[in-house]
Amino acid sequence: MRNKTLGINVRVTPDEKEKLCQNAKYCGLSLSEYLRKTGLGREIETAFREKDYRIFRLLKQLKADCGQLEKSAISFRIDEILKELR
């Protein structure tokens, strides 16, 4: 039987929701669990090392921009990612 039967509605902007979802994902938690832990002052550990998350964001941005970039710009970004990996 579930102990958590009550809901709490919180209004946020689209940007705030996106940031909260990103933070929850970064910690390997659902949005509900992330909000519950932060709201109750519990310790939250990240699921990824910060360096790994930076590399992930760089790759994600490169993928999003790839169709609009010239070959030299793509090569430059790949070099940046390789530097982060070292």
PDB file of N, CA and C in Angstrom:
ATOM      1  N   MET A   1       0.836  -1.184   0.000  1.00  0.00           N
ATOM      2  CA  MET A   1       0.000   0.000   0.000  1.00  0.00           C
ATOM      3  C   MET A   1       0.878   1.243   0.000  1.00  0.00           C
ATOM      4  N   ARG A   2       0.512   2.197  -0.822  1.00  0.00           N
ATOM      5  CA  ARG A   2       1.304   3.427  -0.934  1.00  0.00           C
ATOM      6  C   ARG A   2       1.048   4.349   0.240  1.00  0.00           C
ATOM      7  N   ASN A   3       2.125   4.876   0.810  1.00  0.00           N
ATOM      8  CA  ASN A   3       2.009   5.843   1.903  1.00  0.00           C
ATOM      9  C   ASN A   3       1.806   7.252   1.377  1.00  0.00           C
ATOM     10  N   LYS A   4       2.293   7.510   0.177  1.00  0.00           N
ATOM     11  CA  LYS A   4       2.239   8.854  -0.393  1.00  0.00           C
ATOM     12  C   LYS A   4       0.942   9.004  -1.179  1.00  0.00           C
ATOM     13  N   THR A   5      -0.059   9.546  -0.519  1.00  0.00           N
ATOM     14  CA  THR A   5      -1.377   9.647  -1.149  1.00  0.00           C
ATOM     15  C   THR A   5      -1.806  11.084  -1.420  1.00  0.00           C
ATOM     16  N   LEU A   6      -1.088  12.052  -0.878  1.00  0.00           N
ATOM     17  CA  LEU A   6      -1.457  13.449  -1.075  1.00  0.00           C
ATOM     18  C   LEU A   6      -0.601  14.089  -2.154  1.00  0.00           C
ATOM     19  N   GLY A   7      -1.204  14.961  -2.939  1.00  0.00           N
ATOM     20  CA  GLY A   7      -0.482  15.695  -3.967  1.00  0.00           C
ATOM     21  C   GLY A   7      -0.356  17.156  -3.595  1.00  0.00           C
ATOM     22  N   ILE A   8       0.691  17.785  -4.075  1.00  0.00           N
ATOM     23  CA  ILE A   8       0.908  19.219  -3.877  1.00  0.00           C
ATOM     24  C   ILE A   8       1.117  19.830  -5.253  1.00  0.00           C
ATOM     25  N   ASN A   9       0.316  20.808  -5.594  1.00  0.00           N
ATOM     26  CA  ASN A   9       0.459  21.484  -6.885  1.00  0.00           C
ATOM     27  C   ASN A   9       1.293  22.739  -6.712  1.00  0.00           C
ATOM     28  N   VAL A  10       2.279  22.892  -7.568  1.00  0.00           N
ATOM     29  CA  VAL A  10       3.159  24.054  -7.530  1.00  0.00           C
ATOM     30  C   VAL A  10       3.188  24.657  -8.922  1.00  0.00           C
ATOM     31  N   ARG A  11       2.935  25.932  -9.026  1.00  0.00           N
ATOM     32  CA  ARG A  11       2.963  26.612 -10.322  1.00  0.00           C
ATOM     33  C   ARG A  11       4.361  27.169 -10.570  1.00  0.00           C
ATOM     34  N   VAL A  12       4.879  26.883 -11.754  1.00  0.00           N
ATOM     35  CA  VAL A  12       6.194  27.371 -12.156  1.00  0.00           C
ATOM     36  C   VAL A  12       6.112  27.835 -13.606  1.00  0.00           C
ATOM     37  N   THR A  13       7.116  28.590 -14.028  1.00  0.00           N
ATOM     38  CA  THR A  13       7.206  28.995 -15.433  1.00  0.00           C
ATOM     39  C   THR A  13       7.747  27.811 -16.244  1.00  0.00           C
ATOM     40  N   PRO A  14       7.588  27.833 -17.553  1.00  0.00           N
ATOM     41  CA  PRO A  14       8.178  26.760 -18.376  1.00  0.00           C
ATOM     42  C   PRO A  14       9.693  26.633 -18.178  1.00  0.00           C
ATOM     43  N   ASP A  15      10.388  27.759 -18.061  1.00  0.00           N
ATOM     44  CA  ASP A  15      11.842  27.724 -17.841  1.00  0.00           C
ATOM     45  C   ASP A  15      12.188  27.093 -16.491  1.00  0.00           C
ATOM     46  N   GLU A  16      11.417  27.426 -15.465  1.00  0.00           N
ATOM     47  CA  GLU A  16      11.663  26.849 -14.144  1.00  0.00           C
ATOM     48  C   GLU A  16      11.434  25.343 -14.166  1.00  0.00           C
ATOM     49  N   LYS A  17      10.363  24.915 -14.832  1.00  0.00           N
ATOM     50  CA  LYS A  17      10.081  23.484 -14.913  1.00  0.00           C
ATOM     51  C   LYS A  17      11.208  22.758 -15.633  1.00  0.00           C
ATOM     52  N   GLU A  18      11.679  23.326 -16.731  1.00  0.00           N
ATOM     53  CA  GLU A  18      12.768  22.710 -17.481  1.00  0.00           C
ATOM     54  C   GLU A  18      14.021  22.579 -16.618  1.00  0.00           C
ATOM     55  N   LYS A  19      14.341  23.617 -15.870  1.00  0.00           N
ATOM     56  CA  LYS A  19      15.519  23.590 -14.995  1.00  0.00           C
ATOM     57  C   LYS A  19      15.344  22.544 -13.889  1.00  0.00           C
ATOM     58  N   LEU A  20      14.163  22.474 -13.298  1.00  0.00           N
ATOM     59  CA  LEU A  20      13.905  21.479 -12.256  1.00  0.00           C
ATOM     60  C   LEU A  20      14.014  20.062 -12.824  1.00  0.00           C
ATOM     61  N   CYS A  21      13.474  19.848 -14.008  1.00  0.00           N
ATOM     62  CA  CYS A  21      13.553  18.531 -14.647  1.00  0.00           C
ATOM     63  C   CYS A  21      14.999  18.160 -14.959  1.00  0.00           C
ATOM     64  N   GLN A  22      15.778  19.132 -15.433  1.00  0.00           N
ATOM     65  CA  GLN A  22      17.194  18.882 -15.716  1.00  0.00           C
ATOM     66  C   GLN A  22      17.948  18.528 -14.436  1.00  0.00           C
ATOM     67  N   ASN A  23      17.680  19.270 -13.369  1.00  0.00           N
ATOM     68  CA  ASN A  23      18.342  18.997 -12.095  1.00  0.00           C
ATOM     69  C   ASN A  23      17.980  17.610 -11.574  1.00  0.00           C
ATOM     70  N   ALA A  24      16.707  17.248 -11.689  1.00  0.00           N
ATOM     71  CA  ALA A  24      16.268  15.926 -11.241  1.00  0.00           C
ATOM     72  C   ALA A  24      16.958  14.837 -12.050  1.00  0.00           C
ATOM     73  N   LYS A  25      17.016  15.019 -13.360  1.00  0.00           N
ATOM     74  CA  LYS A  25      17.662  14.036 -14.231  1.00  0.00           C
ATOM     75  C   LYS A  25      19.145  13.929 -13.892  1.00  0.00           C
ATOM     76  N   TYR A  26      19.782  15.062 -13.642  1.00  0.00           N
ATOM     77  CA  TYR A  26      21.196  15.096 -13.278  1.00  0.00           C
ATOM     78  C   TYR A  26      21.458  14.288 -12.012  1.00  0.00           C
ATOM     79  N   CYS A  27      20.470  14.263 -11.125  1.00  0.00           N
ATOM     80  CA  CYS A  27      20.601  13.526  -9.870  1.00  0.00           C
ATOM     81  C   CYS A  27      20.072  12.099  -9.969  1.00  0.00           C
ATOM     82  N   GLY A  28      19.540  11.726 -11.128  1.00  0.00           N
ATOM     83  CA  GLY A  28      19.008  10.384 -11.304  1.00  0.00           C
ATOM     84  C   GLY A  28      17.709  10.154 -10.556  1.00  0.00           C
ATOM     85  N   LEU A  29      16.928  11.222 -10.386  1.00  0.00           N
ATOM     86  CA  LEU A  29      15.672  11.147  -9.639  1.00  0.00           C
ATOM     87  C   LEU A  29      14.502  11.568 -10.519  1.00  0.00           C
ATOM     88  N   SER A  30      13.313  11.121 -10.145  1.00  0.00           N
ATOM     89  CA  SER A  30      12.118  11.662 -10.782  1.00  0.00           C
ATOM     90  C   SER A  30      11.943  13.091 -10.286  1.00  0.00           C
ATOM     91  N   LEU A  31      11.142  13.853 -10.989  1.00  0.00           N
ATOM     92  CA  LEU A  31      10.899  15.231 -10.559  1.00  0.00           C
ATOM     93  C   LEU A  31      10.263  15.251  -9.176  1.00  0.00           C
ATOM     94  N   SER A  32       9.316  14.362  -8.942  1.00  0.00           N
ATOM     95  CA  SER A  32       8.658  14.307  -7.627  1.00  0.00           C
ATOM     96  C   SER A  32       9.649  14.015  -6.513  1.00  0.00           C
ATOM     97  N   GLU A  33      10.495  13.012  -6.729  1.00  0.00           N
ATOM     98  CA  GLU A  33      11.469  12.648  -5.697  1.00  0.00           C
ATOM     99  C   GLU A  33      12.481  13.770  -5.476  1.00  0.00           C
ATOM    100  N   TYR A  34      12.899  14.427  -6.553  1.00  0.00           N
ATOM    101  CA  TYR A  34      13.826  15.554  -6.439  1.00  0.00           C
ATOM    102  C   TYR A  34      13.215  16.683  -5.607  1.00  0.00           C
ATOM    103  N   LEU A  35      11.980  17.057  -5.927  1.00  0.00           N
ATOM    104  CA  LEU A  35      11.311  18.131  -5.185  1.00  0.00           C
ATOM    105  C   LEU A  35      11.071  17.735  -3.731  1.00  0.00           C
ATOM    106  N   ARG A  36      10.717  16.480  -3.501  1.00  0.00           N
ATOM    107  CA  ARG A  36      10.482  15.999  -2.145  1.00  0.00           C
ATOM    108  C   ARG A  36      11.767  16.103  -1.328  1.00  0.00           C
ATOM    109  N   LYS A  37      12.872  15.615  -1.884  1.00  0.00           N
ATOM    110  CA  LYS A  37      14.144  15.635  -1.150  1.00  0.00           C
ATOM    111  C   LYS A  37      14.636  17.055  -0.899  1.00  0.00           C
ATOM    112  N   THR A  38      14.576  17.916  -1.916  1.00  0.00           N
ATOM    113  CA  THR A  38      15.050  19.282  -1.705  1.00  0.00           C
ATOM    114  C   THR A  38      14.149  20.026  -0.735  1.00  0.00           C
ATOM    115  N   GLY A  39      12.859  19.813  -0.851  1.00  0.00           N
ATOM    116  CA  GLY A  39      11.910  20.491   0.039  1.00  0.00           C
ATOM    117  C   GLY A  39      12.040  20.067   1.488  1.00  0.00           C
ATOM    118  N   LEU A  40      12.454  18.833   1.709  1.00  0.00           N
ATOM    119  CA  LEU A  40      12.610  18.325   3.073  1.00  0.00           C
ATOM    120  C   LEU A  40      14.042  18.469   3.583  1.00  0.00           C
ATOM    121  N   GLY A  41      14.898  19.112   2.772  1.00  0.00           N
ATOM    122  CA  GLY A  41      16.271  19.378   3.204  1.00  0.00           C
ATOM    123  C   GLY A  41      17.154  18.146   3.233  1.00  0.00           C
ATOM    124  N   ARG A  42      16.793  17.129   2.472  1.00  0.00           N
ATOM    125  CA  ARG A  42      17.610  15.911   2.441  1.00  0.00           C
ATOM    126  C   ARG A  42      18.762  16.075   1.462  1.00  0.00           C
ATOM    127  N   GLU A  43      19.815  15.331   1.716  1.00  0.00           N
ATOM    128  CA  GLU A  43      20.993  15.403   0.854  1.00  0.00           C
ATOM    129  C   GLU A  43      20.702  14.733  -0.485  1.00  0.00           C
ATOM    130  N   ILE A  44      21.163  15.384  -1.537  1.00  0.00           N
ATOM    131  CA  ILE A  44      20.984  14.857  -2.886  1.00  0.00           C
ATOM    132  C   ILE A  44      22.358  14.672  -3.505  1.00  0.00           C
ATOM    133  N   GLU A  45      22.578  13.495  -4.072  1.00  0.00           N
ATOM    134  CA  GLU A  45      23.834  13.229  -4.751  1.00  0.00           C
ATOM    135  C   GLU A  45      23.583  13.188  -6.250  1.00  0.00           C
ATOM    136  N   THR A  46      24.544  13.672  -7.004  1.00  0.00           N
ATOM    137  CA  THR A  46      24.411  13.636  -8.446  1.00  0.00           C
ATOM    138  C   THR A  46      24.659  12.221  -8.947  1.00  0.00           C
ATOM    139  N   ALA A  47      24.005  11.888 -10.050  1.00  0.00           N
ATOM    140  CA  ALA A  47      24.190  10.571 -10.651  1.00  0.00           C
ATOM    141  C   ALA A  47      25.421  10.556 -11.550  1.00  0.00           C
ATOM    142  N   PHE A  48      25.871  11.733 -11.954  1.00  0.00           N
ATOM    143  CA  PHE A  48      27.002  11.862 -12.864  1.00  0.00           C
ATOM    144  C   PHE A  48      28.056  12.760 -12.242  1.00  0.00           C
ATOM    145  N   ARG A  49      29.281  12.552 -12.640  1.00  0.00           N
ATOM    146  CA  ARG A  49      30.308  13.514 -12.251  1.00  0.00           C
ATOM    147  C   ARG A  49      30.068  14.790 -13.046  1.00  0.00           C
ATOM    148  N   GLU A  50      30.433  15.923 -12.485  1.00  0.00           N
ATOM    149  CA  GLU A  50      30.205  17.210 -13.151  1.00  0.00           C
ATOM    150  C   GLU A  50      30.891  17.254 -14.520  1.00  0.00           C
ATOM    151  N   LYS A  51      32.087  16.715 -14.602  1.00  0.00           N
ATOM    152  CA  LYS A  51      32.821  16.698 -15.868  1.00  0.00           C
ATOM    153  C   LYS A  51      32.034  15.920 -16.930  1.00  0.00           C
ATOM    154  N   ASP A  52      31.494  14.769 -16.562  1.00  0.00           N
ATOM    155  CA  ASP A  52      30.712  13.965 -17.500  1.00  0.00           C
ATOM    156  C   ASP A  52      29.478  14.723 -17.970  1.00  0.00           C
ATOM    157  N   TYR A  53      28.844  15.441 -17.061  1.00  0.00           N
ATOM    158  CA  TYR A  53      27.648  16.198 -17.417  1.00  0.00           C
ATOM    159  C   TYR A  53      27.995  17.351 -18.357  1.00  0.00           C
ATOM    160  N   ARG A  54      29.132  18.014 -18.141  1.00  0.00           N
ATOM    161  CA  ARG A  54      29.577  19.082 -19.050  1.00  0.00           C
ATOM    162  C   ARG A  54      29.787  18.534 -20.455  1.00  0.00           C
ATOM    163  N   ILE A  55      30.427  17.372 -20.540  1.00  0.00           N
ATOM    164  CA  ILE A  55      30.660  16.751 -21.844  1.00  0.00           C
ATOM    165  C   ILE A  55      29.333  16.389 -22.500  1.00  0.00           C
ATOM    166  N   PHE A  56      28.425  15.843 -21.732  1.00  0.00           N
ATOM    167  CA  PHE A  56      27.100  15.508 -22.249  1.00  0.00           C
ATOM    168  C   PHE A  56      26.410  16.742 -22.820  1.00  0.00           C
ATOM    169  N   ARG A  57      26.461  17.864 -22.086  1.00  0.00           N
ATOM    170  CA  ARG A  57      25.824  19.097 -22.562  1.00  0.00           C
ATOM    171  C   ARG A  57      26.477  19.603 -23.841  1.00  0.00           C
ATOM    172  N   LEU A  58      27.815  19.519 -23.921  1.00  0.00           N
ATOM    173  CA  LEU A  58      28.512  19.942 -25.134  1.00  0.00           C
ATOM    174  C   LEU A  58      28.094  19.086 -26.334  1.00  0.00           C
ATOM    175  N   LEU A  59      28.005  17.765 -26.133  1.00  0.00           N
ATOM    176  CA  LEU A  59      27.581  16.878 -27.220  1.00  0.00           C
ATOM    177  C   LEU A  59      26.140  17.141 -27.632  1.00  0.00           C
ATOM    178  N   LYS A  60      25.285  17.358 -26.652  1.00  0.00           N
ATOM    179  CA  LYS A  60      23.875  17.634 -26.935  1.00  0.00           C
ATOM    180  C   LYS A  60      23.726  18.933 -27.734  1.00  0.00           C
ATOM    181  N   GLN A  61      24.485  19.953 -27.356  1.00  0.00           N
ATOM    182  CA  GLN A  61      24.427  21.223 -28.074  1.00  0.00           C
ATOM    183  C   GLN A  61      24.994  21.083 -29.481  1.00  0.00           C
ATOM    184  N   LEU A  62      26.071  20.315 -29.626  1.00  0.00           N
ATOM    185  CA  LEU A  62      26.647  20.081 -30.953  1.00  0.00           C
ATOM    186  C   LEU A  62      25.635  19.387 -31.852  1.00  0.00           C
ATOM    187  N   LYS A  63      24.954  18.394 -31.314  1.00  0.00           N
ATOM    188  CA  LYS A  63      23.926  17.687 -32.093  1.00  0.00           C
ATOM    189  C   LYS A  63      22.837  18.645 -32.544  1.00  0.00           C
ATOM    190  N   ALA A  64      22.396  19.515 -31.656  1.00  0.00           N
ATOM    191  CA  ALA A  64      21.331  20.470 -31.974  1.00  0.00           C
ATOM    192  C   ALA A  64      21.776  21.473 -33.035  1.00  0.00           C
ATOM    193  N   ASP A  65      23.031  21.881 -32.998  1.00  0.00           N
ATOM    194  CA  ASP A  65      23.536  22.918 -33.904  1.00  0.00           C
ATOM    195  C   ASP A  65      24.159  22.368 -35.184  1.00  0.00           C
ATOM    196  N   CYS A  66      24.366  21.071 -35.258  1.00  0.00           N
ATOM    197  CA  CYS A  66      25.161  20.460 -36.330  1.00  0.00           C
ATOM    198  C   CYS A  66      24.690  20.854 -37.733  1.00  0.00           C
ATOM    199  N   GLY A  67      23.394  20.891 -37.973  1.00  0.00           N
ATOM    200  CA  GLY A  67      22.893  21.219 -39.302  1.00  0.00           C
ATOM    201  C   GLY A  67      23.152  22.650 -39.727  1.00  0.00           C
ATOM    202  N   GLN A  68      23.462  23.530 -38.772  1.00  0.00           N
ATOM    203  CA  GLN A  68      23.652  24.945 -39.061  1.00  0.00           C
ATOM    204  C   GLN A  68      25.123  25.364 -39.052  1.00  0.00           C
ATOM    205  N   LEU A  69      26.006  24.428 -38.689  1.00  0.00           N
ATOM    206  CA  LEU A  69      27.420  24.774 -38.549  1.00  0.00           C
ATOM    207  C   LEU A  69      28.228  24.353 -39.778  1.00  0.00           C
ATOM    208  N   GLU A  70      29.278  25.106 -40.035  1.00  0.00           N
ATOM    209  CA  GLU A  70      30.225  24.729 -41.079  1.00  0.00           C
ATOM    210  C   GLU A  70      31.148  23.639 -40.524  1.00  0.00           C
ATOM    211  N   LYS A  71      31.789  22.941 -41.432  1.00  0.00           N
ATOM    212  CA  LYS A  71      32.662  21.832 -41.046  1.00  0.00           C
ATOM    213  C   LYS A  71      33.743  22.272 -40.061  1.00  0.00           C
ATOM    214  N   SER A  72      34.306  23.447 -40.260  1.00  0.00           N
ATOM    215  CA  SER A  72      35.370  23.926 -39.365  1.00  0.00           C
ATOM    216  C   SER A  72      34.841  24.179 -37.952  1.00  0.00           C
ATOM    217  N   ALA A  73      33.623  24.689 -37.847  1.00  0.00           N
ATOM    218  CA  ALA A  73      33.026  24.943 -36.532  1.00  0.00           C
ATOM    219  C   ALA A  73      32.725  23.624 -35.818  1.00  0.00           C
ATOM    220  N   ILE A  74      32.289  22.629 -36.580  1.00  0.00           N
ATOM    221  CA  ILE A  74      32.033  21.313 -35.988  1.00  0.00           C
ATOM    222  C   ILE A  74      33.336  20.710 -35.475  1.00  0.00           C
ATOM    223  N   SER A  75      34.388  20.812 -36.276  1.00  0.00           N
ATOM    224  CA  SER A  75      35.701  20.297 -35.864  1.00  0.00           C
ATOM    225  C   SER A  75      36.198  20.995 -34.603  1.00  0.00           C
ATOM    226  N   PHE A  76      36.001  22.307 -34.527  1.00  0.00           N
ATOM    227  CA  PHE A  76      36.414  23.073 -33.357  1.00  0.00           C
ATOM    228  C   PHE A  76      35.685  22.577 -32.110  1.00  0.00           C
ATOM    229  N   ARG A  77      34.379  22.370 -32.224  1.00  0.00           N
ATOM    230  CA  ARG A  77      33.611  21.897 -31.066  1.00  0.00           C
ATOM    231  C   ARG A  77      34.016  20.486 -30.660  1.00  0.00           C
ATOM    232  N   ILE A  78      34.287  19.636 -31.638  1.00  0.00           N
ATOM    233  CA  ILE A  78      34.740  18.281 -31.313  1.00  0.00           C
ATOM    234  C   ILE A  78      36.072  18.342 -30.576  1.00  0.00           C
ATOM    235  N   ASP A  79      36.973  19.233 -30.991  1.00  0.00           N
ATOM    236  CA  ASP A  79      38.243  19.410 -30.293  1.00  0.00           C
ATOM    237  C   ASP A  79      38.027  19.856 -28.844  1.00  0.00           C
ATOM    238  N   GLU A  80      37.052  20.747 -28.624  1.00  0.00           N
ATOM    239  CA  GLU A  80      36.730  21.176 -27.256  1.00  0.00           C
ATOM    240  C   GLU A  80      36.266  19.992 -26.410  1.00  0.00           C
ATOM    241  N   ILE A  81      35.442  19.156 -26.994  1.00  0.00           N
ATOM    242  CA  ILE A  81      34.933  17.981 -26.275  1.00  0.00           C
ATOM    243  C   ILE A  81      36.075  17.026 -25.954  1.00  0.00           C
ATOM    244  N   LEU A  82      36.974  16.810 -26.911  1.00  0.00           N
ATOM    245  CA  LEU A  82      38.122  15.939 -26.679  1.00  0.00           C
ATOM    246  C   LEU A  82      39.015  16.459 -25.553  1.00  0.00           C
ATOM    247  N   LYS A  83      39.179  17.793 -25.483  1.00  0.00           N
ATOM    248  CA  LYS A  83      39.962  18.389 -24.384  1.00  0.00           C
ATOM    249  C   LYS A  83      39.303  18.106 -23.039  1.00  0.00           C
ATOM    250  N   GLU A  84      37.969  18.182 -22.988  1.00  0.00           N
ATOM    251  CA  GLU A  84      37.251  17.889 -21.743  1.00  0.00           C
ATOM    252  C   GLU A  84      37.434  16.439 -21.331  1.00  0.00           C
ATOM    253  N   LEU A  85      37.498  15.543 -22.313  1.00  0.00           N
ATOM    254  CA  LEU A  85      37.640  14.122 -22.020  1.00  0.00           C
ATOM    255  C   LEU A  85      39.004  13.774 -21.423  1.00  0.00           C
ATOM    256  N   ARG A  86      40.003  14.570 -21.737  1.00  0.00           N
ATOM    257  CA  ARG A  86      41.357  14.289 -21.237  1.00  0.00           C
ATOM    258  C   ARG A  86      41.527  14.715 -19.845  1.00  0.00           C
TER     259      ARG A  86
END
